[in-house]
PDB file of N, CA and C in Angstrom:
ATOM      1  N   MET A   1     -22.780 -27.790   6.064  1.00  0.00           N
ATOM      2  CA  MET A   1     -22.938 -26.866   4.963  1.00  0.00           C
ATOM      3  C   MET A   1     -21.759 -25.894   4.913  1.00  0.00           C
ATOM      4  N   LEU A   2     -21.368 -25.395   6.087  1.00  0.00           N
ATOM      5  CA  LEU A   2     -20.261 -24.450   6.147  1.00  0.00           C
ATOM      6  C   LEU A   2     -18.971 -25.095   5.674  1.00  0.00           C
ATOM      7  N   SER A   3     -18.734 -26.326   6.063  1.00  0.00           N
ATOM      8  CA  SER A   3     -17.524 -27.025   5.627  1.00  0.00           C
ATOM      9  C   SER A   3     -17.497 -27.189   4.122  1.00  0.00           C
ATOM     10  N   SER A   4     -18.638 -27.474   3.537  1.00  0.00           N
ATOM     11  CA  SER A   4     -18.723 -27.621   2.095  1.00  0.00           C
ATOM     12  C   SER A   4     -18.422 -26.298   1.398  1.00  0.00           C
ATOM     13  N   ILE A   5     -18.980 -25.215   1.907  1.00  0.00           N
ATOM     14  CA  ILE A   5     -18.739 -23.900   1.330  1.00  0.00           C
ATOM     15  C   ILE A   5     -17.264 -23.530   1.459  1.00  0.00           C
ATOM     16  N   LEU A   6     -16.688 -23.785   2.623  1.00  0.00           N
ATOM     17  CA  LEU A   6     -15.274 -23.479   2.829  1.00  0.00           C
ATOM     18  C   LEU A   6     -14.379 -24.308   1.922  1.00  0.00           C
ATOM     19  N   ALA A   7     -14.728 -25.572   1.723  1.00  0.00           N
ATOM     20  CA  ALA A   7     -13.922 -26.428   0.853  1.00  0.00           C
ATOM     21  C   ALA A   7     -13.979 -25.938  -0.588  1.00  0.00           C
ATOM     22  N   LYS A   8     -15.163 -25.560  -1.064  1.00  0.00           N
ATOM     23  CA  LYS A   8     -15.290 -25.053  -2.430  1.00  0.00           C
ATOM     24  C   LYS A   8     -14.553 -23.732  -2.591  1.00  0.00           C
ATOM     25  N   THR A   9     -14.607 -22.902  -1.566  1.00  0.00           N
ATOM     26  CA  THR A   9     -13.888 -21.628  -1.620  1.00  0.00           C
ATOM     27  C   THR A   9     -12.389 -21.858  -1.640  1.00  0.00           C
ATOM     28  N   ALA A  10     -11.910 -22.792  -0.841  1.00  0.00           N
ATOM     29  CA  ALA A  10     -10.474 -23.076  -0.789  1.00  0.00           C
ATOM     30  C   ALA A  10      -9.957 -23.590  -2.128  1.00  0.00           C
ATOM     31  N   ILE A  11     -10.789 -24.292  -2.864  1.00  0.00           N
ATOM     32  CA  ILE A  11     -10.386 -24.795  -4.180  1.00  0.00           C
ATOM     33  C   ILE A  11     -10.176 -23.637  -5.155  1.00  0.00           C
ATOM     34  N   ASN A  12     -11.004 -22.600  -5.039  1.00  0.00           N
ATOM     35  CA  ASN A  12     -10.961 -21.484  -5.988  1.00  0.00           C
ATOM     36  C   ASN A  12      -9.990 -20.381  -5.605  1.00  0.00           C
ATOM     37  N   ILE A  13      -9.350 -20.470  -4.442  1.00  0.00           N
ATOM     38  CA  ILE A  13      -8.416 -19.437  -4.003  1.00  0.00           C
ATOM     39  C   ILE A  13      -7.019 -19.768  -4.500  1.00  0.00           C
ATOM     40  N   ILE A  14      -6.339 -18.755  -4.973  1.00  0.00           N
ATOM     41  CA  ILE A  14      -4.960 -18.915  -5.429  1.00  0.00           C
ATOM     42  C   ILE A  14      -4.051 -18.455  -4.294  1.00  0.00           C
ATOM     43  N   ASP A  15      -3.341 -19.378  -3.694  1.00  0.00           N
ATOM     44  CA  ASP A  15      -2.404 -19.049  -2.621  1.00  0.00           C
ATOM     45  C   ASP A  15      -1.011 -18.995  -3.226  1.00  0.00           C
ATOM     46  N   VAL A  16      -0.583 -17.800  -3.585  1.00  0.00           N
ATOM     47  CA  VAL A  16       0.700 -17.629  -4.262  1.00  0.00           C
ATOM     48  C   VAL A  16       1.856 -18.009  -3.346  1.00  0.00           C
ATOM     49  N   SER A  17       1.718 -17.740  -2.065  1.00  0.00           N
ATOM     50  CA  SER A  17       2.813 -18.032  -1.143  1.00  0.00           C
ATOM     51  C   SER A  17       3.054 -19.526  -0.982  1.00  0.00           C
ATOM     52  N   ALA A  18       2.028 -20.340  -1.204  1.00  0.00           N
ATOM     53  CA  ALA A  18       2.169 -21.778  -1.021  1.00  0.00           C
ATOM     54  C   ALA A  18       2.369 -22.522  -2.340  1.00  0.00           C
ATOM     55  N   ALA A  19       2.548 -21.807  -3.433  1.00  0.00           N
ATOM     56  CA  ALA A  19       2.655 -22.465  -4.733  1.00  0.00           C
ATOM     57  C   ALA A  19       3.872 -23.378  -4.802  1.00  0.00           C
ATOM     58  N   ASP A  20       4.999 -22.967  -4.238  1.00  0.00           N
ATOM     59  CA  ASP A  20       6.199 -23.796  -4.280  1.00  0.00           C
ATOM     60  C   ASP A  20       6.105 -24.989  -3.348  1.00  0.00           C
ATOM     61  N   SER A  21       5.420 -24.817  -2.239  1.00  0.00           N
ATOM     62  CA  SER A  21       5.373 -25.890  -1.244  1.00  0.00           C
ATOM     63  C   SER A  21       4.414 -27.011  -1.631  1.00  0.00           C
ATOM     64  N   GLN A  22       3.572 -26.802  -2.623  1.00  0.00           N
ATOM     65  CA  GLN A  22       2.624 -27.838  -3.015  1.00  0.00           C
ATOM     66  C   GLN A  22       3.295 -28.926  -3.837  1.00  0.00           C
ATOM     67  N   GLY A  23       4.465 -28.655  -4.371  1.00  0.00           N
ATOM     68  CA  GLY A  23       5.177 -29.662  -5.151  1.00  0.00           C
ATOM     69  C   GLY A  23       4.507 -29.979  -6.468  1.00  0.00           C
ATOM     70  N   MET A  24       4.020 -28.954  -7.155  1.00  0.00           N
ATOM     71  CA  MET A  24       3.346 -29.174  -8.424  1.00  0.00           C
ATOM     72  C   MET A  24       4.380 -29.476  -9.512  1.00  0.00           C
ATOM     73  N   GLU A  25       3.956 -30.288 -10.432  1.00  0.00           N
ATOM     74  CA  GLU A  25       4.775 -30.557 -11.604  1.00  0.00           C
ATOM     75  C   GLU A  25       4.731 -29.332 -12.519  1.00  0.00           C
ATOM     76  N   GLN A  26       5.702 -29.244 -13.416  1.00  0.00           N
ATOM     77  CA  GLN A  26       5.786 -28.096 -14.316  1.00  0.00           C
ATOM     78  C   GLN A  26       4.536 -27.977 -15.191  1.00  0.00           C
ATOM     79  N   HIS A  27       4.046 -29.098 -15.711  1.00  0.00           N
ATOM     80  CA  HIS A  27       2.862 -29.035 -16.577  1.00  0.00           C
ATOM     81  C   HIS A  27       1.619 -28.640 -15.796  1.00  0.00           C
ATOM     82  N   GLU A  28       1.526 -29.060 -14.514  1.00  0.00           N
ATOM     83  CA  GLU A  28       0.390 -28.657 -13.681  1.00  0.00           C
ATOM     84  C   GLU A  28       0.421 -27.146 -13.450  1.00  0.00           C
ATOM     85  N   TYR A  29       1.620 -26.647 -13.193  1.00  0.00           N
ATOM     86  CA  TYR A  29       1.786 -25.211 -12.978  1.00  0.00           C
ATOM     87  C   TYR A  29       1.379 -24.435 -14.229  1.00  0.00           C
ATOM     88  N   MET A  30       1.811 -24.890 -15.384  1.00  0.00           N
ATOM     89  CA  MET A  30       1.482 -24.210 -16.634  1.00  0.00           C
ATOM     90  C   MET A  30      -0.017 -24.295 -16.936  1.00  0.00           C
ATOM     91  N   ASP A  31      -0.639 -25.441 -16.641  1.00  0.00           N
ATOM     92  CA  ASP A  31      -2.084 -25.584 -16.843  1.00  0.00           C
ATOM     93  C   ASP A  31      -2.862 -24.607 -15.969  1.00  0.00           C
ATOM     94  N   ARG A  32      -2.443 -24.501 -14.710  1.00  0.00           N
ATOM     95  CA  ARG A  32      -3.120 -23.569 -13.806  1.00  0.00           C
ATOM     96  C   ARG A  32      -2.908 -22.126 -14.245  1.00  0.00           C
ATOM     97  N   ALA A  33      -1.693 -21.791 -14.650  1.00  0.00           N
ATOM     98  CA  ALA A  33      -1.425 -20.429 -15.117  1.00  0.00           C
ATOM     99  C   ALA A  33      -2.292 -20.104 -16.328  1.00  0.00           C
ATOM    100  N   ARG A  34      -2.434 -21.050 -17.246  1.00  0.00           N
ATOM    101  CA  ARG A  34      -3.270 -20.846 -18.427  1.00  0.00           C
ATOM    102  C   ARG A  34      -4.732 -20.687 -18.018  1.00  0.00           C
ATOM    103  N   GLN A  35      -5.183 -21.509 -17.069  1.00  0.00           N
ATOM    104  CA  GLN A  35      -6.572 -21.437 -16.603  1.00  0.00           C
ATOM    105  C   GLN A  35      -6.843 -20.088 -15.936  1.00  0.00           C
ATOM    106  N   TYR A  36      -5.944 -19.626 -15.088  1.00  0.00           N
ATOM    107  CA  TYR A  36      -6.137 -18.341 -14.413  1.00  0.00           C
ATOM    108  C   TYR A  36      -6.097 -17.184 -15.402  1.00  0.00           C
ATOM    109  N   SER A  37      -5.231 -17.278 -16.410  1.00  0.00           N
ATOM    110  CA  SER A  37      -5.169 -16.234 -17.438  1.00  0.00           C
ATOM    111  C   SER A  37      -6.479 -16.169 -18.214  1.00  0.00           C
ATOM    112  N   THR A  38      -7.041 -17.328 -18.524  1.00  0.00           N
ATOM    113  CA  THR A  38      -8.313 -17.364 -19.240  1.00  0.00           C
ATOM    114  C   THR A  38      -9.429 -16.758 -18.399  1.00  0.00           C
ATOM    115  N   ARG A  39      -9.477 -17.123 -17.119  1.00  0.00           N
ATOM    116  CA  ARG A  39     -10.503 -16.553 -16.231  1.00  0.00           C
ATOM    117  C   ARG A  39     -10.351 -15.045 -16.125  1.00  0.00           C
ATOM    118  N   LEU A  40      -9.116 -14.580 -15.971  1.00  0.00           N
ATOM    119  CA  LEU A  40      -8.864 -13.151 -15.840  1.00  0.00           C
ATOM    120  C   LEU A  40      -9.264 -12.410 -17.102  1.00  0.00           C
ATOM    121  N   ALA A  41      -8.967 -12.982 -18.263  1.00  0.00           N
ATOM    122  CA  ALA A  41      -9.347 -12.354 -19.529  1.00  0.00           C
ATOM    123  C   ALA A  41     -10.869 -12.268 -19.652  1.00  0.00           C
ATOM    124  N   MET A  42     -11.574 -13.325 -19.246  1.00  0.00           N
ATOM    125  CA  MET A  42     -13.037 -13.310 -19.318  1.00  0.00           C
ATOM    126  C   MET A  42     -13.600 -12.225 -18.410  1.00  0.00           C
ATOM    127  N   LEU A  43     -13.060 -12.107 -17.209  1.00  0.00           N
ATOM    128  CA  LEU A  43     -13.552 -11.102 -16.272  1.00  0.00           C
ATOM    129  C   LEU A  43     -13.228  -9.692 -16.744  1.00  0.00           C
ATOM    130  N   SER A  44     -12.036  -9.494 -17.271  1.00  0.00           N
ATOM    131  CA  SER A  44     -11.673  -8.149 -17.718  1.00  0.00           C
ATOM    132  C   SER A  44     -12.493  -7.731 -18.930  1.00  0.00           C
ATOM    133  N   ASN A  45     -12.862  -8.677 -19.794  1.00  0.00           N
ATOM    134  CA  ASN A  45     -13.711  -8.351 -20.943  1.00  0.00           C
ATOM    135  C   ASN A  45     -15.113  -7.954 -20.505  1.00  0.00           C
ATOM    136  N   SER A  46     -15.586  -8.532 -19.405  1.00  0.00           N
ATOM    137  CA  SER A  46     -16.928  -8.202 -18.933  1.00  0.00           C
ATOM    138  C   SER A  46     -16.970  -6.853 -18.225  1.00  0.00           C
ATOM    139  N   LEU A  47     -15.817  -6.280 -17.907  1.00  0.00           N
ATOM    140  CA  LEU A  47     -15.765  -4.999 -17.209  1.00  0.00           C
ATOM    141  C   LEU A  47     -15.392  -3.841 -18.128  1.00  0.00           C
ATOM    142  N   THR A  48     -15.552  -3.996 -19.425  1.00  0.00           N
ATOM    143  CA  THR A  48     -15.136  -2.947 -20.352  1.00  0.00           C
ATOM    144  C   THR A  48     -15.958  -1.679 -20.199  1.00  0.00           C
ATOM    145  N   HIS A  49     -17.221  -1.787 -19.773  1.00  0.00           N
ATOM    146  CA  HIS A  49     -18.028  -0.574 -19.627  1.00  0.00           C
ATOM    147  C   HIS A  49     -17.514   0.305 -18.505  1.00  0.00           C
ATOM    148  N   TRP A  50     -16.797  -0.228 -17.536  1.00  0.00           N
ATOM    149  CA  TRP A  50     -16.236   0.586 -16.450  1.00  0.00           C
ATOM    150  C   TRP A  50     -15.066   1.426 -16.950  1.00  0.00           C
ATOM    151  N   LYS A  51     -14.373   0.961 -17.969  1.00  0.00           N
ATOM    152  CA  LYS A  51     -13.222   1.692 -18.475  1.00  0.00           C
ATOM    153  C   LYS A  51     -13.622   2.993 -19.156  1.00  0.00           C
ATOM    154  N   LYS A  52     -14.861   3.100 -19.580  1.00  0.00           N
ATOM    155  CA  LYS A  52     -15.321   4.289 -20.282  1.00  0.00           C
ATOM    156  C   LYS A  52     -15.597   5.444 -19.327  1.00  0.00           C
ATOM    157  N   LEU A  53     -15.788   5.163 -18.059  1.00  0.00           N
ATOM    158  CA  LEU A  53     -16.086   6.207 -17.087  1.00  0.00           C
ATOM    159  C   LEU A  53     -14.821   6.978 -16.746  1.00  0.00           C
ATOM    160  N   PRO A  54     -14.956   8.276 -16.441  1.00  0.00           N
ATOM    161  CA  PRO A  54     -13.775   9.022 -16.020  1.00  0.00           C
ATOM    162  C   PRO A  54     -13.280   8.493 -14.668  1.00  0.00           C
ATOM    163  N   LEU A  55     -11.966   8.515 -14.482  1.00  0.00           N
ATOM    164  CA  LEU A  55     -11.403   7.966 -13.258  1.00  0.00           C
ATOM    165  C   LEU A  55     -11.765   8.788 -12.033  1.00  0.00           C
ATOM    166  N   LEU A  56     -11.721  10.120 -12.168  1.00  0.00           N
ATOM    167  CA  LEU A  56     -12.027  10.992 -11.044  1.00  0.00           C
ATOM    168  C   LEU A  56     -13.019  12.065 -11.477  1.00  0.00           C
ATOM    169  N   PRO A  57     -13.871  12.519 -10.575  1.00  0.00           N
ATOM    170  CA  PRO A  57     -14.756  13.638 -10.923  1.00  0.00           C
ATOM    171  C   PRO A  57     -13.926  14.872 -11.261  1.00  0.00           C
ATOM    172  N   SER A  58     -14.495  15.755 -12.048  1.00  0.00           N
ATOM    173  CA  SER A  58     -13.743  16.921 -12.491  1.00  0.00           C
ATOM    174  C   SER A  58     -13.372  17.846 -11.332  1.00  0.00           C
ATOM    175  N   LEU A  59     -14.141  17.841 -10.259  1.00  0.00           N
ATOM    176  CA  LEU A  59     -13.827  18.718  -9.130  1.00  0.00           C
ATOM    177  C   LEU A  59     -12.525  18.330  -8.428  1.00  0.00           C
ATOM    178  N   THR A  60     -12.140  17.083  -8.494  1.00  0.00           N
ATOM    179  CA  THR A  60     -10.928  16.672  -7.803  1.00  0.00           C
ATOM    180  C   THR A  60      -9.671  17.204  -8.473  1.00  0.00           C
ATOM    181  N   ASN A  61      -9.790  17.652  -9.719  1.00  0.00           N
ATOM    182  CA  ASN A  61      -8.641  18.272 -10.372  1.00  0.00           C
ATOM    183  C   ASN A  61      -8.357  19.651  -9.796  1.00  0.00           C
ATOM    184  N   GLN A  62      -9.358  20.211  -9.111  1.00  0.00           N
ATOM    185  CA  GLN A  62      -9.223  21.538  -8.520  1.00  0.00           C
ATOM    186  C   GLN A  62      -9.693  21.480  -7.070  1.00  0.00           C
ATOM    187  N   PRO A  63      -8.861  20.947  -6.174  1.00  0.00           N
ATOM    188  CA  PRO A  63      -9.304  20.755  -4.786  1.00  0.00           C
ATOM    189  C   PRO A  63      -9.626  22.051  -4.057  1.00  0.00           C
ATOM    190  N   HIS A  64      -9.024  23.160  -4.470  1.00  0.00           N
ATOM    191  CA  HIS A  64      -9.327  24.425  -3.798  1.00  0.00           C
ATOM    192  C   HIS A  64     -10.794  24.812  -3.983  1.00  0.00           C
ATOM    193  N   GLN A  65     -11.385  24.441  -5.135  1.00  0.00           N
ATOM    194  CA  GLN A  65     -12.805  24.735  -5.331  1.00  0.00           C
ATOM    195  C   GLN A  65     -13.680  23.858  -4.448  1.00  0.00           C
ATOM    196  N   VAL A  66     -13.283  22.617  -4.269  1.00  0.00           N
ATOM    197  CA  VAL A  66     -14.058  21.712  -3.414  1.00  0.00           C
ATOM    198  C   VAL A  66     -13.996  22.192  -1.972  1.00  0.00           C
ATOM    199  N   LEU A  67     -12.794  22.551  -1.524  1.00  0.00           N
ATOM    200  CA  LEU A  67     -12.629  22.995  -0.139  1.00  0.00           C
ATOM    201  C   LEU A  67     -13.296  24.344   0.118  1.00  0.00           C
ATOM    202  N   ALA A  68     -13.390  25.196  -0.908  1.00  0.00           N
ATOM    203  CA  ALA A  68     -13.993  26.513  -0.741  1.00  0.00           C
ATOM    204  C   ALA A  68     -15.508  26.482  -0.894  1.00  0.00           C
ATOM    205  N   SER A  69     -16.070  25.358  -1.343  1.00  0.00           N
ATOM    206  CA  SER A  69     -17.518  25.297  -1.553  1.00  0.00           C
ATOM    207  C   SER A  69     -18.247  25.241  -0.219  1.00  0.00           C
ATOM    208  N   ASP A  70     -19.550  25.453  -0.278  1.00  0.00           N
ATOM    209  CA  ASP A  70     -20.371  25.432   0.934  1.00  0.00           C
ATOM    210  C   ASP A  70     -20.351  24.048   1.552  1.00  0.00           C
ATOM    211  N   PRO A  71     -20.360  23.978   2.884  1.00  0.00           N
ATOM    212  CA  PRO A  71     -20.377  22.659   3.528  1.00  0.00           C
ATOM    213  C   PRO A  71     -21.725  21.971   3.330  1.00  0.00           C
ATOM    214  N   VAL A  72     -21.733  20.672   3.541  1.00  0.00           N
ATOM    215  CA  VAL A  72     -22.971  19.896   3.437  1.00  0.00           C
ATOM    216  C   VAL A  72     -23.884  20.313   4.584  1.00  0.00           C
ATOM    217  N   PRO A  73     -25.155  20.591   4.294  1.00  0.00           N
ATOM    218  CA  PRO A  73     -26.075  21.000   5.363  1.00  0.00           C
ATOM    219  C   PRO A  73     -26.175  19.937   6.461  1.00  0.00           C
ATOM    220  N   PHE A  74     -26.300  20.412   7.697  1.00  0.00           N
ATOM    221  CA  PHE A  74     -26.359  19.515   8.840  1.00  0.00           C
ATOM    222  C   PHE A  74     -27.551  18.574   8.757  1.00  0.00           C
ATOM    223  N   ALA A  75     -28.673  19.052   8.233  1.00  0.00           N
ATOM    224  CA  ALA A  75     -29.870  18.205   8.095  1.00  0.00           C
ATOM    225  C   ALA A  75     -29.578  17.019   7.173  1.00  0.00           C
ATOM    226  N   ASP A  76     -28.780  17.244   6.114  1.00  0.00           N
ATOM    227  CA  ASP A  76     -28.421  16.148   5.214  1.00  0.00           C
ATOM    228  C   ASP A  76     -27.547  15.125   5.930  1.00  0.00           C
ATOM    229  N   LEU A  77     -26.606  15.612   6.731  1.00  0.00           N
ATOM    230  CA  LEU A  77     -25.749  14.700   7.497  1.00  0.00           C
ATOM    231  C   LEU A  77     -26.562  13.869   8.473  1.00  0.00           C
ATOM    232  N   GLN A  78     -27.539  14.507   9.122  1.00  0.00           N
ATOM    233  CA  GLN A  78     -28.401  13.773  10.050  1.00  0.00           C
ATOM    234  C   GLN A  78     -29.217  12.711   9.320  1.00  0.00           C
ATOM    235  N   GLN A  79     -29.719  13.058   8.157  1.00  0.00           N
ATOM    236  CA  GLN A  79     -30.526  12.102   7.397  1.00  0.00           C
ATOM    237  C   GLN A  79     -29.672  10.904   6.973  1.00  0.00           C
ATOM    238  N   VAL A  80     -28.459  11.141   6.509  1.00  0.00           N
ATOM    239  CA  VAL A  80     -27.567  10.047   6.124  1.00  0.00           C
ATOM    240  C   VAL A  80     -27.253   9.187   7.346  1.00  0.00           C
ATOM    241  N   SER A  81     -27.026   9.816   8.488  1.00  0.00           N
ATOM    242  CA  SER A  81     -26.740   9.061   9.719  1.00  0.00           C
ATOM    243  C   SER A  81     -27.924   8.197  10.114  1.00  0.00           C
ATOM    244  N   ARG A  82     -29.144   8.749  10.020  1.00  0.00           N
ATOM    245  CA  ARG A  82     -30.348   7.972  10.359  1.00  0.00           C
ATOM    246  C   ARG A  82     -30.517   6.788   9.418  1.00  0.00           C
ATOM    247  N   ILE A  83     -30.311   7.015   8.135  1.00  0.00           N
ATOM    248  CA  ILE A  83     -30.465   5.934   7.159  1.00  0.00           C
ATOM    249  C   ILE A  83     -29.415   4.852   7.403  1.00  0.00           C
ATOM    250  N   ALA A  84     -28.183   5.265   7.700  1.00  0.00           N
ATOM    251  CA  ALA A  84     -27.128   4.291   7.975  1.00  0.00           C
ATOM    252  C   ALA A  84     -27.451   3.486   9.234  1.00  0.00           C
ATOM    253  N   ALA A  85     -27.954   4.156  10.271  1.00  0.00           N
ATOM    254  CA  ALA A  85     -28.317   3.451  11.502  1.00  0.00           C
ATOM    255  C   ALA A  85     -29.465   2.477  11.248  1.00  0.00           C
ATOM    256  N   TYR A  86     -30.434   2.887  10.438  1.00  0.00           N
ATOM    257  CA  TYR A  86     -31.552   2.015  10.110  1.00  0.00           C
ATOM    258  C   TYR A  86     -31.064   0.796   9.328  1.00  0.00           C
ATOM    259  N   ALA A  87     -30.181   1.023   8.357  1.00  0.00           N
ATOM    260  CA  ALA A  87     -29.652  -0.089   7.559  1.00  0.00           C
ATOM    261  C   ALA A  87     -28.845  -1.033   8.439  1.00  0.00           C
ATOM    262  N   PHE A  88     -28.029  -0.488   9.348  1.00  0.00           N
ATOM    263  CA  PHE A  88     -27.251  -1.333  10.256  1.00  0.00           C
ATOM    264  C   PHE A  88     -28.172  -2.158  11.138  1.00  0.00           C
ATOM    265  N   SER A  89     -29.224  -1.538  11.644  1.00  0.00           N
ATOM    266  CA  SER A  89     -30.175  -2.261  12.488  1.00  0.00           C
ATOM    267  C   SER A  89     -30.860  -3.376  11.700  1.00  0.00           C
ATOM    268  N   ALA A  90     -31.257  -3.076  10.478  1.00  0.00           N
ATOM    269  CA  ALA A  90     -31.931  -4.081   9.653  1.00  0.00           C
ATOM    270  C   ALA A  90     -30.990  -5.241   9.340  1.00  0.00           C
ATOM    271  N   LEU A  91     -29.741  -4.925   8.987  1.00  0.00           N
ATOM    272  CA  LEU A  91     -28.781  -5.980   8.654  1.00  0.00           C
ATOM    273  C   LEU A  91     -28.416  -6.820   9.871  1.00  0.00           C
ATOM    274  N   SER A  92     -28.372  -6.203  11.025  1.00  0.00           N
ATOM    275  CA  SER A  92     -27.997  -6.966  12.217  1.00  0.00           C
ATOM    276  C   SER A  92     -29.100  -7.919  12.663  1.00  0.00           C
ATOM    277  N   GLN A  93     -30.312  -7.731  12.164  1.00  0.00           N
ATOM    278  CA  GLN A  93     -31.426  -8.596  12.543  1.00  0.00           C
ATOM    279  C   GLN A  93     -31.632  -9.752  11.567  1.00  0.00           C
ATOM    280  N   ILE A  94     -30.824  -9.825  10.526  1.00  0.00           N
ATOM    281  CA  ILE A  94     -30.952 -10.914   9.558  1.00  0.00           C
ATOM    282  C   ILE A  94     -30.387 -12.189  10.167  1.00  0.00           C
ATOM    283  N   ARG A  95     -31.138 -13.224  10.125  1.00  0.00           N
ATOM    284  CA  ARG A  95     -30.717 -14.523  10.646  1.00  0.00           C
ATOM    285  C   ARG A  95     -30.951 -15.582   9.587  1.00  0.00           C
ATOM    286  N   VAL A  96     -30.043 -16.532   9.487  1.00  0.00           N
ATOM    287  CA  VAL A  96     -30.189 -17.638   8.548  1.00  0.00           C
ATOM    288  C   VAL A  96     -30.625 -18.858   9.339  1.00  0.00           C
ATOM    289  N   ASP A  97     -31.739 -19.423   8.950  1.00  0.00           N
ATOM    290  CA  ASP A  97     -32.262 -20.608   9.614  1.00  0.00           C
ATOM    291  C   ASP A  97     -32.195 -21.754   8.608  1.00  0.00           C
ATOM    292  N   ALA A  98     -31.132 -22.548   8.677  1.00  0.00           N
ATOM    293  CA  ALA A  98     -30.936 -23.644   7.727  1.00  0.00           C
ATOM    294  C   ALA A  98     -31.871 -24.787   8.084  1.00  0.00           C
ATOM    295  N   LYS A  99     -32.805 -25.057   7.199  1.00  0.00           N
ATOM    296  CA  LYS A  99     -33.779 -26.114   7.450  1.00  0.00           C
ATOM    297  C   LYS A  99     -33.560 -27.326   6.559  1.00  0.00           C
ATOM    298  N   GLU A 100     -32.817 -27.132   5.459  1.00  0.00           N
ATOM    299  CA  GLU A 100     -32.579 -28.240   4.548  1.00  0.00           C
ATOM    300  C   GLU A 100     -31.219 -28.058   3.898  1.00  0.00           C
ATOM    301  N   GLU A 101     -30.789 -29.061   3.182  1.00  0.00           N
ATOM    302  CA  GLU A 101     -29.497 -29.025   2.517  1.00  0.00           C
ATOM    303  C   GLU A 101     -29.483 -27.951   1.442  1.00  0.00           C
ATOM    304  N   LEU A 102     -28.324 -27.324   1.241  1.00  0.00           N
ATOM    305  CA  LEU A 102     -28.195 -26.348   0.168  1.00  0.00           C
ATOM    306  C   LEU A 102     -28.247 -27.017  -1.198  1.00  0.00           C
ATOM    307  N   VAL A 103     -27.650 -28.175  -1.305  1.00  0.00           N
ATOM    308  CA  VAL A 103     -27.620 -28.912  -2.562  1.00  0.00           C
ATOM    309  C   VAL A 103     -28.343 -30.233  -2.336  1.00  0.00           C
ATOM    310  N   VAL A 104     -29.325 -30.482  -3.176  1.00  0.00           N
ATOM    311  CA  VAL A 104     -30.044 -31.743  -3.072  1.00  0.00           C
ATOM    312  C   VAL A 104     -29.813 -32.556  -4.341  1.00  0.00           C
ATOM    313  N   GLN A 105     -29.794 -33.842  -4.205  1.00  0.00           N
ATOM    314  CA  GLN A 105     -29.584 -34.728  -5.338  1.00  0.00           C
ATOM    315  C   GLN A 105     -30.918 -35.050  -5.976  1.00  0.00           C
ATOM    316  N   PHE A 106     -30.975 -34.914  -7.297  1.00  0.00           N
ATOM    317  CA  PHE A 106     -32.165 -35.306  -8.022  1.00  0.00           C
ATOM    318  C   PHE A 106     -32.081 -36.797  -8.327  1.00  0.00           C
ATOM    319  N   GLY A 107     -33.195 -37.401  -8.588  1.00  0.00           N
ATOM    320  CA  GLY A 107     -33.234 -38.828  -8.869  1.00  0.00           C
ATOM    321  C   GLY A 107     -32.807 -39.141 -10.291  1.00  0.00           C
ATOM    322  N   ILE A 108     -31.632 -38.677 -10.679  1.00  0.00           N
ATOM    323  CA  ILE A 108     -31.127 -38.934 -12.030  1.00  0.00           C
ATOM    324  C   ILE A 108     -30.198 -40.162 -11.964  1.00  0.00           C
ATOM    325  N   PRO A 109     -30.462 -41.160 -12.805  1.00  0.00           N
ATOM    326  CA  PRO A 109     -29.623 -42.369 -12.727  1.00  0.00           C
ATOM    327  C   PRO A 109     -28.231 -42.120 -13.272  1.00  0.00           C
TER     328      PRO A 109
END
């Protein structure tokens, strides 16, 4: 299963450093460039709602106000630390038990 996942991932990765060494024909190179441009355009169109958000919070324009503000209460820091430790513990206990194939063939002729 892992080999299959790695093979599919390797197909979808663009290795720019190895592009010349693959010995691609000019038309193959142009086809791939067109395909990647199309994929990139589709992805960028789906992220248009992120462009509407401000890049930085307004407080970062005035760092002296942020630095002069009251520090975060110690109880809040402890609570965040406890939650992070709990999440780390929960994530570290996740185990994958592969019992069957990820992809199964249907009886389609």
